[in-house]
Amino acid sequence: QTAVVFTPFKEYHRAAILERRGGR
């Protein structure tokens, strides 16, 4: 399962972060 995705762009670095809290 994907949890964190880092993507480097020309203008910035980006991270998409998936959280799991209390079953949600």
PDBML (XML) file of the C-alpha atoms, coordinates in Angstrom:
<?xml version="1.0" encoding="UTF-8" ?>
<PDBx:datablock datablockName="MODEL"
   xmlns:PDBx="http://pdbml.pdb.org/schema/pdbx-v50.xsd"
   xmlns:xsi="http://www.w3.org/2001/XMLSchema-instance"
   xsi:schemaLocation="http://pdbml.pdb.org/schema/pdbx-v50.xsd pdbx-v50.xsd">
   <PDBx:atom_siteCategory>
      <PDBx:atom_site id="1">
         <PDBx:B_iso_or_equiv>0.00</PDBx:B_iso_or_equiv>
         <PDBx:Cartn_x>0.000</PDBx:Cartn_x>
         <PDBx:Cartn_y>0.000</PDBx:Cartn_y>
         <PDBx:Cartn_z>0.000</PDBx:Cartn_z>
         <PDBx:auth_asym_id>A</PDBx:auth_asym_id>
         <PDBx:auth_atom_id>CA</PDBx:auth_atom_id>
         <PDBx:auth_comp_id>GLN</PDBx:auth_comp_id>
         <PDBx:auth_seq_id>1</PDBx:auth_seq_id>
         <PDBx:group_PDB>ATOM</PDBx:group_PDB>
         <PDBx:label_alt_id xsi:nil="true" />
         <PDBx:label_asym_id>A</PDBx:label_asym_id>
         <PDBx:label_atom_id>CA</PDBx:label_atom_id>
         <PDBx:label_comp_id>GLN</PDBx:label_comp_id>
         <PDBx:label_entity_id>1</PDBx:label_entity_id>
         <PDBx:label_seq_id>1</PDBx:label_seq_id>
         <PDBx:occupancy>1.00</PDBx:occupancy>
         <PDBx:pdbx_PDB_model_num>1</PDBx:pdbx_PDB_model_num>
         <PDBx:type_symbol>C</PDBx:type_symbol>
      </PDBx:atom_site>
      <PDBx:atom_site id="2">
         <PDBx:B_iso_or_equiv>0.00</PDBx:B_iso_or_equiv>
         <PDBx:Cartn_x>1.278</PDBx:Cartn_x>
         <PDBx:Cartn_y>3.431</PDBx:Cartn_y>
         <PDBx:Cartn_z>-0.916</PDBx:Cartn_z>
         <PDBx:auth_asym_id>A</PDBx:auth_asym_id>
         <PDBx:auth_atom_id>CA</PDBx:auth_atom_id>
         <PDBx:auth_comp_id>THR</PDBx:auth_comp_id>
         <PDBx:auth_seq_id>2</PDBx:auth_seq_id>
         <PDBx:group_PDB>ATOM</PDBx:group_PDB>
         <PDBx:label_alt_id xsi:nil="true" />
         <PDBx:label_asym_id>A</PDBx:label_asym_id>
         <PDBx:label_atom_id>CA</PDBx:label_atom_id>
         <PDBx:label_comp_id>THR</PDBx:label_comp_id>
         <PDBx:label_entity_id>1</PDBx:label_entity_id>
         <PDBx:label_seq_id>2</PDBx:label_seq_id>
         <PDBx:occupancy>1.00</PDBx:occupancy>
         <PDBx:pdbx_PDB_model_num>1</PDBx:pdbx_PDB_model_num>
         <PDBx:type_symbol>C</PDBx:type_symbol>
      </PDBx:atom_site>
      <PDBx:atom_site id="3">
         <PDBx:B_iso_or_equiv>0.00</PDBx:B_iso_or_equiv>
         <PDBx:Cartn_x>1.979</PDBx:Cartn_x>
         <PDBx:Cartn_y>5.622</PDBx:Cartn_y>
         <PDBx:Cartn_z>2.128</PDBx:Cartn_z>
         <PDBx:auth_asym_id>A</PDBx:auth_asym_id>
         <PDBx:auth_atom_id>CA</PDBx:auth_atom_id>
         <PDBx:auth_comp_id>ALA</PDBx:auth_comp_id>
         <PDBx:auth_seq_id>3</PDBx:auth_seq_id>
         <PDBx:group_PDB>ATOM</PDBx:group_PDB>
         <PDBx:label_alt_id xsi:nil="true" />
         <PDBx:label_asym_id>A</PDBx:label_asym_id>
         <PDBx:label_atom_id>CA</PDBx:label_atom_id>
         <PDBx:label_comp_id>ALA</PDBx:label_comp_id>
         <PDBx:label_entity_id>1</PDBx:label_entity_id>
         <PDBx:label_seq_id>3</PDBx:label_seq_id>
         <PDBx:occupancy>1.00</PDBx:occupancy>
         <PDBx:pdbx_PDB_model_num>1</PDBx:pdbx_PDB_model_num>
         <PDBx:type_symbol>C</PDBx:type_symbol>
      </PDBx:atom_site>
      <PDBx:atom_site id="4">
         <PDBx:B_iso_or_equiv>0.00</PDBx:B_iso_or_equiv>
         <PDBx:Cartn_x>4.137</PDBx:Cartn_x>
         <PDBx:Cartn_y>8.542</PDBx:Cartn_y>
         <PDBx:Cartn_z>0.932</PDBx:Cartn_z>
         <PDBx:auth_asym_id>A</PDBx:auth_asym_id>
         <PDBx:auth_atom_id>CA</PDBx:auth_atom_id>
         <PDBx:auth_comp_id>VAL</PDBx:auth_comp_id>
         <PDBx:auth_seq_id>4</PDBx:auth_seq_id>
         <PDBx:group_PDB>ATOM</PDBx:group_PDB>
         <PDBx:label_alt_id xsi:nil="true" />
         <PDBx:label_asym_id>A</PDBx:label_asym_id>
         <PDBx:label_atom_id>CA</PDBx:label_atom_id>
         <PDBx:label_comp_id>VAL</PDBx:label_comp_id>
         <PDBx:label_entity_id>1</PDBx:label_entity_id>
         <PDBx:label_seq_id>4</PDBx:label_seq_id>
         <PDBx:occupancy>1.00</PDBx:occupancy>
         <PDBx:pdbx_PDB_model_num>1</PDBx:pdbx_PDB_model_num>
         <PDBx:type_symbol>C</PDBx:type_symbol>
      </PDBx:atom_site>
      <PDBx:atom_site id="5">
         <PDBx:B_iso_or_equiv>0.00</PDBx:B_iso_or_equiv>
         <PDBx:Cartn_x>4.910</PDBx:Cartn_x>
         <PDBx:Cartn_y>9.758</PDBx:Cartn_y>
         <PDBx:Cartn_z>-2.600</PDBx:Cartn_z>
         <PDBx:auth_asym_id>A</PDBx:auth_asym_id>
         <PDBx:auth_atom_id>CA</PDBx:auth_atom_id>
         <PDBx:auth_comp_id>VAL</PDBx:auth_comp_id>
         <PDBx:auth_seq_id>5</PDBx:auth_seq_id>
         <PDBx:group_PDB>ATOM</PDBx:group_PDB>
         <PDBx:label_alt_id xsi:nil="true" />
         <PDBx:label_asym_id>A</PDBx:label_asym_id>
         <PDBx:label_atom_id>CA</PDBx:label_atom_id>
         <PDBx:label_comp_id>VAL</PDBx:label_comp_id>
         <PDBx:label_entity_id>1</PDBx:label_entity_id>
         <PDBx:label_seq_id>5</PDBx:label_seq_id>
         <PDBx:occupancy>1.00</PDBx:occupancy>
         <PDBx:pdbx_PDB_model_num>1</PDBx:pdbx_PDB_model_num>
         <PDBx:type_symbol>C</PDBx:type_symbol>
      </PDBx:atom_site>
      <PDBx:atom_site id="6">
         <PDBx:B_iso_or_equiv>0.00</PDBx:B_iso_or_equiv>
         <PDBx:Cartn_x>7.643</PDBx:Cartn_x>
         <PDBx:Cartn_y>12.338</PDBx:Cartn_y>
         <PDBx:Cartn_z>-3.277</PDBx:Cartn_z>
         <PDBx:auth_asym_id>A</PDBx:auth_asym_id>
         <PDBx:auth_atom_id>CA</PDBx:auth_atom_id>
         <PDBx:auth_comp_id>PHE</PDBx:auth_comp_id>
         <PDBx:auth_seq_id>6</PDBx:auth_seq_id>
         <PDBx:group_PDB>ATOM</PDBx:group_PDB>
         <PDBx:label_alt_id xsi:nil="true" />
         <PDBx:label_asym_id>A</PDBx:label_asym_id>
         <PDBx:label_atom_id>CA</PDBx:label_atom_id>
         <PDBx:label_comp_id>PHE</PDBx:label_comp_id>
         <PDBx:label_entity_id>1</PDBx:label_entity_id>
         <PDBx:label_seq_id>6</PDBx:label_seq_id>
         <PDBx:occupancy>1.00</PDBx:occupancy>
         <PDBx:pdbx_PDB_model_num>1</PDBx:pdbx_PDB_model_num>
         <PDBx:type_symbol>C</PDBx:type_symbol>
      </PDBx:atom_site>
      <PDBx:atom_site id="7">
         <PDBx:B_iso_or_equiv>0.00</PDBx:B_iso_or_equiv>
         <PDBx:Cartn_x>7.758</PDBx:Cartn_x>
         <PDBx:Cartn_y>14.161</PDBx:Cartn_y>
         <PDBx:Cartn_z>-6.603</PDBx:Cartn_z>
         <PDBx:auth_asym_id>A</PDBx:auth_asym_id>
         <PDBx:auth_atom_id>CA</PDBx:auth_atom_id>
         <PDBx:auth_comp_id>THR</PDBx:auth_comp_id>
         <PDBx:auth_seq_id>7</PDBx:auth_seq_id>
         <PDBx:group_PDB>ATOM</PDBx:group_PDB>
         <PDBx:label_alt_id xsi:nil="true" />
         <PDBx:label_asym_id>A</PDBx:label_asym_id>
         <PDBx:label_atom_id>CA</PDBx:label_atom_id>
         <PDBx:label_comp_id>THR</PDBx:label_comp_id>
         <PDBx:label_entity_id>1</PDBx:label_entity_id>
         <PDBx:label_seq_id>7</PDBx:label_seq_id>
         <PDBx:occupancy>1.00</PDBx:occupancy>
         <PDBx:pdbx_PDB_model_num>1</PDBx:pdbx_PDB_model_num>
         <PDBx:type_symbol>C</PDBx:type_symbol>
      </PDBx:atom_site>
      <PDBx:atom_site id="8">
         <PDBx:B_iso_or_equiv>0.00</PDBx:B_iso_or_equiv>
         <PDBx:Cartn_x>10.454</PDBx:Cartn_x>
         <PDBx:Cartn_y>16.688</PDBx:Cartn_y>
         <PDBx:Cartn_z>-7.531</PDBx:Cartn_z>
         <PDBx:auth_asym_id>A</PDBx:auth_asym_id>
         <PDBx:auth_atom_id>CA</PDBx:auth_atom_id>
         <PDBx:auth_comp_id>PRO</PDBx:auth_comp_id>
         <PDBx:auth_seq_id>8</PDBx:auth_seq_id>
         <PDBx:group_PDB>ATOM</PDBx:group_PDB>
         <PDBx:label_alt_id xsi:nil="true" />
         <PDBx:label_asym_id>A</PDBx:label_asym_id>
         <PDBx:label_atom_id>CA</PDBx:label_atom_id>
         <PDBx:label_comp_id>PRO</PDBx:label_comp_id>
         <PDBx:label_entity_id>1</PDBx:label_entity_id>
         <PDBx:label_seq_id>8</PDBx:label_seq_id>
         <PDBx:occupancy>1.00</PDBx:occupancy>
         <PDBx:pdbx_PDB_model_num>1</PDBx:pdbx_PDB_model_num>
         <PDBx:type_symbol>C</PDBx:type_symbol>
      </PDBx:atom_site>
      <PDBx:atom_site id="9">
         <PDBx:B_iso_or_equiv>0.00</PDBx:B_iso_or_equiv>
         <PDBx:Cartn_x>9.289</PDBx:Cartn_x>
         <PDBx:Cartn_y>19.431</PDBx:Cartn_y>
         <PDBx:Cartn_z>-9.882</PDBx:Cartn_z>
         <PDBx:auth_asym_id>A</PDBx:auth_asym_id>
         <PDBx:auth_atom_id>CA</PDBx:auth_atom_id>
         <PDBx:auth_comp_id>PHE</PDBx:auth_comp_id>
         <PDBx:auth_seq_id>9</PDBx:auth_seq_id>
         <PDBx:group_PDB>ATOM</PDBx:group_PDB>
         <PDBx:label_alt_id xsi:nil="true" />
         <PDBx:label_asym_id>A</PDBx:label_asym_id>
         <PDBx:label_atom_id>CA</PDBx:label_atom_id>
         <PDBx:label_comp_id>PHE</PDBx:label_comp_id>
         <PDBx:label_entity_id>1</PDBx:label_entity_id>
         <PDBx:label_seq_id>9</PDBx:label_seq_id>
         <PDBx:occupancy>1.00</PDBx:occupancy>
         <PDBx:pdbx_PDB_model_num>1</PDBx:pdbx_PDB_model_num>
         <PDBx:type_symbol>C</PDBx:type_symbol>
      </PDBx:atom_site>
      <PDBx:atom_site id="10">
         <PDBx:B_iso_or_equiv>0.00</PDBx:B_iso_or_equiv>
         <PDBx:Cartn_x>11.250</PDBx:Cartn_x>
         <PDBx:Cartn_y>22.263</PDBx:Cartn_y>
         <PDBx:Cartn_z>-11.430</PDBx:Cartn_z>
         <PDBx:auth_asym_id>A</PDBx:auth_asym_id>
         <PDBx:auth_atom_id>CA</PDBx:auth_atom_id>
         <PDBx:auth_comp_id>LYS</PDBx:auth_comp_id>
         <PDBx:auth_seq_id>10</PDBx:auth_seq_id>
         <PDBx:group_PDB>ATOM</PDBx:group_PDB>
         <PDBx:label_alt_id xsi:nil="true" />
         <PDBx:label_asym_id>A</PDBx:label_asym_id>
         <PDBx:label_atom_id>CA</PDBx:label_atom_id>
         <PDBx:label_comp_id>LYS</PDBx:label_comp_id>
         <PDBx:label_entity_id>1</PDBx:label_entity_id>
         <PDBx:label_seq_id>10</PDBx:label_seq_id>
         <PDBx:occupancy>1.00</PDBx:occupancy>
         <PDBx:pdbx_PDB_model_num>1</PDBx:pdbx_PDB_model_num>
         <PDBx:type_symbol>C</PDBx:type_symbol>
      </PDBx:atom_site>
      <PDBx:atom_site id="11">
         <PDBx:B_iso_or_equiv>0.00</PDBx:B_iso_or_equiv>
         <PDBx:Cartn_x>9.691</PDBx:Cartn_x>
         <PDBx:Cartn_y>24.820</PDBx:Cartn_y>
         <PDBx:Cartn_z>-9.072</PDBx:Cartn_z>
         <PDBx:auth_asym_id>A</PDBx:auth_asym_id>
         <PDBx:auth_atom_id>CA</PDBx:auth_atom_id>
         <PDBx:auth_comp_id>GLU</PDBx:auth_comp_id>
         <PDBx:auth_seq_id>11</PDBx:auth_seq_id>
         <PDBx:group_PDB>ATOM</PDBx:group_PDB>
         <PDBx:label_alt_id xsi:nil="true" />
         <PDBx:label_asym_id>A</PDBx:label_asym_id>
         <PDBx:label_atom_id>CA</PDBx:label_atom_id>
         <PDBx:label_comp_id>GLU</PDBx:label_comp_id>
         <PDBx:label_entity_id>1</PDBx:label_entity_id>
         <PDBx:label_seq_id>11</PDBx:label_seq_id>
         <PDBx:occupancy>1.00</PDBx:occupancy>
         <PDBx:pdbx_PDB_model_num>1</PDBx:pdbx_PDB_model_num>
         <PDBx:type_symbol>C</PDBx:type_symbol>
      </PDBx:atom_site>
      <PDBx:atom_site id="12">
         <PDBx:B_iso_or_equiv>0.00</PDBx:B_iso_or_equiv>
         <PDBx:Cartn_x>9.244</PDBx:Cartn_x>
         <PDBx:Cartn_y>22.735</PDBx:Cartn_y>
         <PDBx:Cartn_z>-5.911</PDBx:Cartn_z>
         <PDBx:auth_asym_id>A</PDBx:auth_asym_id>
         <PDBx:auth_atom_id>CA</PDBx:auth_atom_id>
         <PDBx:auth_comp_id>TYR</PDBx:auth_comp_id>
         <PDBx:auth_seq_id>12</PDBx:auth_seq_id>
         <PDBx:group_PDB>ATOM</PDBx:group_PDB>
         <PDBx:label_alt_id xsi:nil="true" />
         <PDBx:label_asym_id>A</PDBx:label_asym_id>
         <PDBx:label_atom_id>CA</PDBx:label_atom_id>
         <PDBx:label_comp_id>TYR</PDBx:label_comp_id>
         <PDBx:label_entity_id>1</PDBx:label_entity_id>
         <PDBx:label_seq_id>12</PDBx:label_seq_id>
         <PDBx:occupancy>1.00</PDBx:occupancy>
         <PDBx:pdbx_PDB_model_num>1</PDBx:pdbx_PDB_model_num>
         <PDBx:type_symbol>C</PDBx:type_symbol>
      </PDBx:atom_site>
      <PDBx:atom_site id="13">
         <PDBx:B_iso_or_equiv>0.00</PDBx:B_iso_or_equiv>
         <PDBx:Cartn_x>9.355</PDBx:Cartn_x>
         <PDBx:Cartn_y>19.360</PDBx:Cartn_y>
         <PDBx:Cartn_z>-4.151</PDBx:Cartn_z>
         <PDBx:auth_asym_id>A</PDBx:auth_asym_id>
         <PDBx:auth_atom_id>CA</PDBx:auth_atom_id>
         <PDBx:auth_comp_id>HIS</PDBx:auth_comp_id>
         <PDBx:auth_seq_id>13</PDBx:auth_seq_id>
         <PDBx:group_PDB>ATOM</PDBx:group_PDB>
         <PDBx:label_alt_id xsi:nil="true" />
         <PDBx:label_asym_id>A</PDBx:label_asym_id>
         <PDBx:label_atom_id>CA</PDBx:label_atom_id>
         <PDBx:label_comp_id>HIS</PDBx:label_comp_id>
         <PDBx:label_entity_id>1</PDBx:label_entity_id>
         <PDBx:label_seq_id>13</PDBx:label_seq_id>
         <PDBx:occupancy>1.00</PDBx:occupancy>
         <PDBx:pdbx_PDB_model_num>1</PDBx:pdbx_PDB_model_num>
         <PDBx:type_symbol>C</PDBx:type_symbol>
      </PDBx:atom_site>
      <PDBx:atom_site id="14">
         <PDBx:B_iso_or_equiv>0.00</PDBx:B_iso_or_equiv>
         <PDBx:Cartn_x>6.016</PDBx:Cartn_x>
         <PDBx:Cartn_y>17.765</PDBx:Cartn_y>
         <PDBx:Cartn_z>-3.313</PDBx:Cartn_z>
         <PDBx:auth_asym_id>A</PDBx:auth_asym_id>
         <PDBx:auth_atom_id>CA</PDBx:auth_atom_id>
         <PDBx:auth_comp_id>ARG</PDBx:auth_comp_id>
         <PDBx:auth_seq_id>14</PDBx:auth_seq_id>
         <PDBx:group_PDB>ATOM</PDBx:group_PDB>
         <PDBx:label_alt_id xsi:nil="true" />
         <PDBx:label_asym_id>A</PDBx:label_asym_id>
         <PDBx:label_atom_id>CA</PDBx:label_atom_id>
         <PDBx:label_comp_id>ARG</PDBx:label_comp_id>
         <PDBx:label_entity_id>1</PDBx:label_entity_id>
         <PDBx:label_seq_id>14</PDBx:label_seq_id>
         <PDBx:occupancy>1.00</PDBx:occupancy>
         <PDBx:pdbx_PDB_model_num>1</PDBx:pdbx_PDB_model_num>
         <PDBx:type_symbol>C</PDBx:type_symbol>
      </PDBx:atom_site>
      <PDBx:atom_site id="15">
         <PDBx:B_iso_or_equiv>0.00</PDBx:B_iso_or_equiv>
         <PDBx:Cartn_x>4.980</PDBx:Cartn_x>
         <PDBx:Cartn_y>14.965</PDBx:Cartn_y>
         <PDBx:Cartn_z>-0.964</PDBx:Cartn_z>
         <PDBx:auth_asym_id>A</PDBx:auth_asym_id>
         <PDBx:auth_atom_id>CA</PDBx:auth_atom_id>
         <PDBx:auth_comp_id>ALA</PDBx:auth_comp_id>
         <PDBx:auth_seq_id>15</PDBx:auth_seq_id>
         <PDBx:group_PDB>ATOM</PDBx:group_PDB>
         <PDBx:label_alt_id xsi:nil="true" />
         <PDBx:label_asym_id>A</PDBx:label_asym_id>
         <PDBx:label_atom_id>CA</PDBx:label_atom_id>
         <PDBx:label_comp_id>ALA</PDBx:label_comp_id>
         <PDBx:label_entity_id>1</PDBx:label_entity_id>
         <PDBx:label_seq_id>15</PDBx:label_seq_id>
         <PDBx:occupancy>1.00</PDBx:occupancy>
         <PDBx:pdbx_PDB_model_num>1</PDBx:pdbx_PDB_model_num>
         <PDBx:type_symbol>C</PDBx:type_symbol>
      </PDBx:atom_site>
      <PDBx:atom_site id="16">
         <PDBx:B_iso_or_equiv>0.00</PDBx:B_iso_or_equiv>
         <PDBx:Cartn_x>1.576</PDBx:Cartn_x>
         <PDBx:Cartn_y>13.274</PDBx:Cartn_y>
         <PDBx:Cartn_z>-0.819</PDBx:Cartn_z>
         <PDBx:auth_asym_id>A</PDBx:auth_asym_id>
         <PDBx:auth_atom_id>CA</PDBx:auth_atom_id>
         <PDBx:auth_comp_id>ALA</PDBx:auth_comp_id>
         <PDBx:auth_seq_id>16</PDBx:auth_seq_id>
         <PDBx:group_PDB>ATOM</PDBx:group_PDB>
         <PDBx:label_alt_id xsi:nil="true" />
         <PDBx:label_asym_id>A</PDBx:label_asym_id>
         <PDBx:label_atom_id>CA</PDBx:label_atom_id>
         <PDBx:label_comp_id>ALA</PDBx:label_comp_id>
         <PDBx:label_entity_id>1</PDBx:label_entity_id>
         <PDBx:label_seq_id>16</PDBx:label_seq_id>
         <PDBx:occupancy>1.00</PDBx:occupancy>
         <PDBx:pdbx_PDB_model_num>1</PDBx:pdbx_PDB_model_num>
         <PDBx:type_symbol>C</PDBx:type_symbol>
      </PDBx:atom_site>
      <PDBx:atom_site id="17">
         <PDBx:B_iso_or_equiv>0.00</PDBx:B_iso_or_equiv>
         <PDBx:Cartn_x>1.119</PDBx:Cartn_x>
         <PDBx:Cartn_y>11.628</PDBx:Cartn_y>
         <PDBx:Cartn_z>2.578</PDBx:Cartn_z>
         <PDBx:auth_asym_id>A</PDBx:auth_asym_id>
         <PDBx:auth_atom_id>CA</PDBx:auth_atom_id>
         <PDBx:auth_comp_id>ILE</PDBx:auth_comp_id>
         <PDBx:auth_seq_id>17</PDBx:auth_seq_id>
         <PDBx:group_PDB>ATOM</PDBx:group_PDB>
         <PDBx:label_alt_id xsi:nil="true" />
         <PDBx:label_asym_id>A</PDBx:label_asym_id>
         <PDBx:label_atom_id>CA</PDBx:label_atom_id>
         <PDBx:label_comp_id>ILE</PDBx:label_comp_id>
         <PDBx:label_entity_id>1</PDBx:label_entity_id>
         <PDBx:label_seq_id>17</PDBx:label_seq_id>
         <PDBx:occupancy>1.00</PDBx:occupancy>
         <PDBx:pdbx_PDB_model_num>1</PDBx:pdbx_PDB_model_num>
         <PDBx:type_symbol>C</PDBx:type_symbol>
      </PDBx:atom_site>
      <PDBx:atom_site id="18">
         <PDBx:B_iso_or_equiv>0.00</PDBx:B_iso_or_equiv>
         <PDBx:Cartn_x>-1.523</PDBx:Cartn_x>
         <PDBx:Cartn_y>9.058</PDBx:Cartn_y>
         <PDBx:Cartn_z>3.459</PDBx:Cartn_z>
         <PDBx:auth_asym_id>A</PDBx:auth_asym_id>
         <PDBx:auth_atom_id>CA</PDBx:auth_atom_id>
         <PDBx:auth_comp_id>LEU</PDBx:auth_comp_id>
         <PDBx:auth_seq_id>18</PDBx:auth_seq_id>
         <PDBx:group_PDB>ATOM</PDBx:group_PDB>
         <PDBx:label_alt_id xsi:nil="true" />
         <PDBx:label_asym_id>A</PDBx:label_asym_id>
         <PDBx:label_atom_id>CA</PDBx:label_atom_id>
         <PDBx:label_comp_id>LEU</PDBx:label_comp_id>
         <PDBx:label_entity_id>1</PDBx:label_entity_id>
         <PDBx:label_seq_id>18</PDBx:label_seq_id>
         <PDBx:occupancy>1.00</PDBx:occupancy>
         <PDBx:pdbx_PDB_model_num>1</PDBx:pdbx_PDB_model_num>
         <PDBx:type_symbol>C</PDBx:type_symbol>
      </PDBx:atom_site>
      <PDBx:atom_site id="19">
         <PDBx:B_iso_or_equiv>0.00</PDBx:B_iso_or_equiv>
         <PDBx:Cartn_x>-2.600</PDBx:Cartn_x>
         <PDBx:Cartn_y>8.965</PDBx:Cartn_y>
         <PDBx:Cartn_z>7.110</PDBx:Cartn_z>
         <PDBx:auth_asym_id>A</PDBx:auth_asym_id>
         <PDBx:auth_atom_id>CA</PDBx:auth_atom_id>
         <PDBx:auth_comp_id>GLU</PDBx:auth_comp_id>
         <PDBx:auth_seq_id>19</PDBx:auth_seq_id>
         <PDBx:group_PDB>ATOM</PDBx:group_PDB>
         <PDBx:label_alt_id xsi:nil="true" />
         <PDBx:label_asym_id>A</PDBx:label_asym_id>
         <PDBx:label_atom_id>CA</PDBx:label_atom_id>
         <PDBx:label_comp_id>GLU</PDBx:label_comp_id>
         <PDBx:label_entity_id>1</PDBx:label_entity_id>
         <PDBx:label_seq_id>19</PDBx:label_seq_id>
         <PDBx:occupancy>1.00</PDBx:occupancy>
         <PDBx:pdbx_PDB_model_num>1</PDBx:pdbx_PDB_model_num>
         <PDBx:type_symbol>C</PDBx:type_symbol>
      </PDBx:atom_site>
      <PDBx:atom_site id="20">
         <PDBx:B_iso_or_equiv>0.00</PDBx:B_iso_or_equiv>
         <PDBx:Cartn_x>-4.301</PDBx:Cartn_x>
         <PDBx:Cartn_y>6.182</PDBx:Cartn_y>
         <PDBx:Cartn_z>9.024</PDBx:Cartn_z>
         <PDBx:auth_asym_id>A</PDBx:auth_asym_id>
         <PDBx:auth_atom_id>CA</PDBx:auth_atom_id>
         <PDBx:auth_comp_id>ARG</PDBx:auth_comp_id>
         <PDBx:auth_seq_id>20</PDBx:auth_seq_id>
         <PDBx:group_PDB>ATOM</PDBx:group_PDB>
         <PDBx:label_alt_id xsi:nil="true" />
         <PDBx:label_asym_id>A</PDBx:label_asym_id>
         <PDBx:label_atom_id>CA</PDBx:label_atom_id>
         <PDBx:label_comp_id>ARG</PDBx:label_comp_id>
         <PDBx:label_entity_id>1</PDBx:label_entity_id>
         <PDBx:label_seq_id>20</PDBx:label_seq_id>
         <PDBx:occupancy>1.00</PDBx:occupancy>
         <PDBx:pdbx_PDB_model_num>1</PDBx:pdbx_PDB_model_num>
         <PDBx:type_symbol>C</PDBx:type_symbol>
      </PDBx:atom_site>
      <PDBx:atom_site id="21">
         <PDBx:B_iso_or_equiv>0.00</PDBx:B_iso_or_equiv>
         <PDBx:Cartn_x>-5.978</PDBx:Cartn_x>
         <PDBx:Cartn_y>7.210</PDBx:Cartn_y>
         <PDBx:Cartn_z>12.269</PDBx:Cartn_z>
         <PDBx:auth_asym_id>A</PDBx:auth_asym_id>
         <PDBx:auth_atom_id>CA</PDBx:auth_atom_id>
         <PDBx:auth_comp_id>ARG</PDBx:auth_comp_id>
         <PDBx:auth_seq_id>21</PDBx:auth_seq_id>
         <PDBx:group_PDB>ATOM</PDBx:group_PDB>
         <PDBx:label_alt_id xsi:nil="true" />
         <PDBx:label_asym_id>A</PDBx:label_asym_id>
         <PDBx:label_atom_id>CA</PDBx:label_atom_id>
         <PDBx:label_comp_id>ARG</PDBx:label_comp_id>
         <PDBx:label_entity_id>1</PDBx:label_entity_id>
         <PDBx:label_seq_id>21</PDBx:label_seq_id>
         <PDBx:occupancy>1.00</PDBx:occupancy>
         <PDBx:pdbx_PDB_model_num>1</PDBx:pdbx_PDB_model_num>
         <PDBx:type_symbol>C</PDBx:type_symbol>
      </PDBx:atom_site>
      <PDBx:atom_site id="22">
         <PDBx:B_iso_or_equiv>0.00</PDBx:B_iso_or_equiv>
         <PDBx:Cartn_x>-8.365</PDBx:Cartn_x>
         <PDBx:Cartn_y>5.131</PDBx:Cartn_y>
         <PDBx:Cartn_z>14.301</PDBx:Cartn_z>
         <PDBx:auth_asym_id>A</PDBx:auth_asym_id>
         <PDBx:auth_atom_id>CA</PDBx:auth_atom_id>
         <PDBx:auth_comp_id>GLY</PDBx:auth_comp_id>
         <PDBx:auth_seq_id>22</PDBx:auth_seq_id>
         <PDBx:group_PDB>ATOM</PDBx:group_PDB>
         <PDBx:label_alt_id xsi:nil="true" />
         <PDBx:label_asym_id>A</PDBx:label_asym_id>
         <PDBx:label_atom_id>CA</PDBx:label_atom_id>
         <PDBx:label_comp_id>GLY</PDBx:label_comp_id>
         <PDBx:label_entity_id>1</PDBx:label_entity_id>
         <PDBx:label_seq_id>22</PDBx:label_seq_id>
         <PDBx:occupancy>1.00</PDBx:occupancy>
         <PDBx:pdbx_PDB_model_num>1</PDBx:pdbx_PDB_model_num>
         <PDBx:type_symbol>C</PDBx:type_symbol>
      </PDBx:atom_site>
      <PDBx:atom_site id="23">
         <PDBx:B_iso_or_equiv>0.00</PDBx:B_iso_or_equiv>
         <PDBx:Cartn_x>-9.235</PDBx:Cartn_x>
         <PDBx:Cartn_y>2.904</PDBx:Cartn_y>
         <PDBx:Cartn_z>11.359</PDBx:Cartn_z>
         <PDBx:auth_asym_id>A</PDBx:auth_asym_id>
         <PDBx:auth_atom_id>CA</PDBx:auth_atom_id>
         <PDBx:auth_comp_id>GLY</PDBx:auth_comp_id>
         <PDBx:auth_seq_id>23</PDBx:auth_seq_id>
         <PDBx:group_PDB>ATOM</PDBx:group_PDB>
         <PDBx:label_alt_id xsi:nil="true" />
         <PDBx:label_asym_id>A</PDBx:label_asym_id>
         <PDBx:label_atom_id>CA</PDBx:label_atom_id>
         <PDBx:label_comp_id>GLY</PDBx:label_comp_id>
         <PDBx:label_entity_id>1</PDBx:label_entity_id>
         <PDBx:label_seq_id>23</PDBx:label_seq_id>
         <PDBx:occupancy>1.00</PDBx:occupancy>
         <PDBx:pdbx_PDB_model_num>1</PDBx:pdbx_PDB_model_num>
         <PDBx:type_symbol>C</PDBx:type_symbol>
      </PDBx:atom_site>
      <PDBx:atom_site id="24">
         <PDBx:B_iso_or_equiv>0.00</PDBx:B_iso_or_equiv>
         <PDBx:Cartn_x>-9.846</PDBx:Cartn_x>
         <PDBx:Cartn_y>5.867</PDBx:Cartn_y>
         <PDBx:Cartn_z>9.075</PDBx:Cartn_z>
         <PDBx:auth_asym_id>A</PDBx:auth_asym_id>
         <PDBx:auth_atom_id>CA</PDBx:auth_atom_id>
         <PDBx:auth_comp_id>ARG</PDBx:auth_comp_id>
         <PDBx:auth_seq_id>24</PDBx:auth_seq_id>
         <PDBx:group_PDB>ATOM</PDBx:group_PDB>
         <PDBx:label_alt_id xsi:nil="true" />
         <PDBx:label_asym_id>A</PDBx:label_asym_id>
         <PDBx:label_atom_id>CA</PDBx:label_atom_id>
         <PDBx:label_comp_id>ARG</PDBx:label_comp_id>
         <PDBx:label_entity_id>1</PDBx:label_entity_id>
         <PDBx:label_seq_id>24</PDBx:label_seq_id>
         <PDBx:occupancy>1.00</PDBx:occupancy>
         <PDBx:pdbx_PDB_model_num>1</PDBx:pdbx_PDB_model_num>
         <PDBx:type_symbol>C</PDBx:type_symbol>
      </PDBx:atom_site>
   </PDBx:atom_siteCategory>
</PDBx:datablock>
